[in-house]
Amino acid sequence: MTTDRETIAHGIIVELTSTTGQFGSTLAAALGLPKKEVNSVLYADTRFVRSADEKPRWYLAGQNVAQ
């Protein structure tokens, strides 16, 4: 089953509003979706920014990103 990208993005926004700086795998688990689907939205959508870490943490654009 695939979920529409905007629905996934909305779920990510809800999660990151609650807890900033989450890993993609954590977001995927919280949304009950494959990490691949969540990552495809995270990397393509400018509403999300990542830390420079080897294993990036994700934030909403405008939130303070840990360096």
Protein backbone atom coordinates (compact mmCIF):
# COMPACT_ATOMS: atom_id res chain seq x y z
CA MET A 1 0.00 0.00 0.00
CA THR A 2 1.33 3.42 -0.88
CA THR A 3 0.32 6.61 0.82
CA ASP A 4 0.03 9.90 -1.02
CA ARG A 5 3.03 12.19 -0.58
CA GLU A 6 1.01 15.07 0.88
CA THR A 7 -0.50 12.74 3.50
CA ILE A 8 3.00 11.55 4.42
CA ALA A 9 4.26 15.16 4.56
CA HIS A 10 1.39 16.11 6.87
CA GLY A 11 2.24 13.22 9.20
CA ILE A 12 5.90 14.27 9.23
CA ILE A 13 4.92 17.86 10.05
CA VAL A 14 2.80 16.66 12.97
CA GLU A 15 5.66 14.50 14.29
CA LEU A 16 8.33 17.20 13.90
CA THR A 17 6.10 19.82 15.50
CA SER A 18 5.84 17.56 18.53
CA THR A 19 9.49 16.44 18.62
CA THR A 20 12.17 18.16 16.55
CA GLY A 21 15.34 16.51 15.29
CA GLN A 22 14.04 13.02 14.56
CA PHE A 23 15.70 10.35 12.45
CA GLY A 24 13.96 9.22 9.28
CA SER A 25 13.60 5.72 10.69
CA THR A 26 11.90 7.11 13.80
CA LEU A 27 9.49 9.14 11.71
CA ALA A 28 8.72 6.12 9.53
CA ALA A 29 8.01 3.96 12.59
CA ALA A 30 5.75 6.64 14.11
CA LEU A 31 3.80 6.87 10.85
CA GLY A 32 3.70 3.12 10.30
CA LEU A 33 5.26 3.48 6.85
CA PRO A 34 8.34 2.11 5.11
CA LYS A 35 11.41 4.27 5.67
CA LYS A 36 11.92 4.48 1.90
CA GLU A 37 8.54 6.22 1.44
CA VAL A 38 9.18 8.67 4.27
CA ASN A 39 12.72 9.45 3.07
CA SER A 40 11.48 10.15 -0.45
CA VAL A 41 9.25 12.89 0.97
CA LEU A 42 11.86 14.23 3.42
CA TYR A 43 14.52 14.68 0.73
CA ALA A 44 12.16 16.16 -1.90
CA ASP A 45 10.05 18.54 0.17
CA THR A 46 11.53 21.94 1.06
CA ARG A 47 9.43 22.10 4.22
CA PHE A 48 11.97 19.71 5.76
CA VAL A 49 15.66 20.30 6.47
CA ARG A 50 18.28 17.93 7.80
CA SER A 51 21.28 18.21 10.05
CA ALA A 52 24.75 17.73 8.63
CA ASP A 53 25.28 14.56 10.65
CA GLU A 54 26.21 11.29 8.93
CA LYS A 55 22.81 9.98 10.05
CA PRO A 56 20.77 13.16 9.63
CA ARG A 57 18.10 14.34 11.99
CA TRP A 58 15.11 16.05 10.41
CA TYR A 59 13.50 19.38 11.25
CA LEU A 60 10.82 21.65 9.87
CA ALA A 61 12.27 24.51 7.84
CA GLY A 62 12.60 27.39 10.25
CA GLN A 63 13.31 25.23 13.30
CA ASN A 64 16.78 25.36 14.83
CA VAL A 65 18.86 22.62 13.26
CA ALA A 66 21.50 21.00 15.45
CA GLN A 67 24.90 21.16 13.79
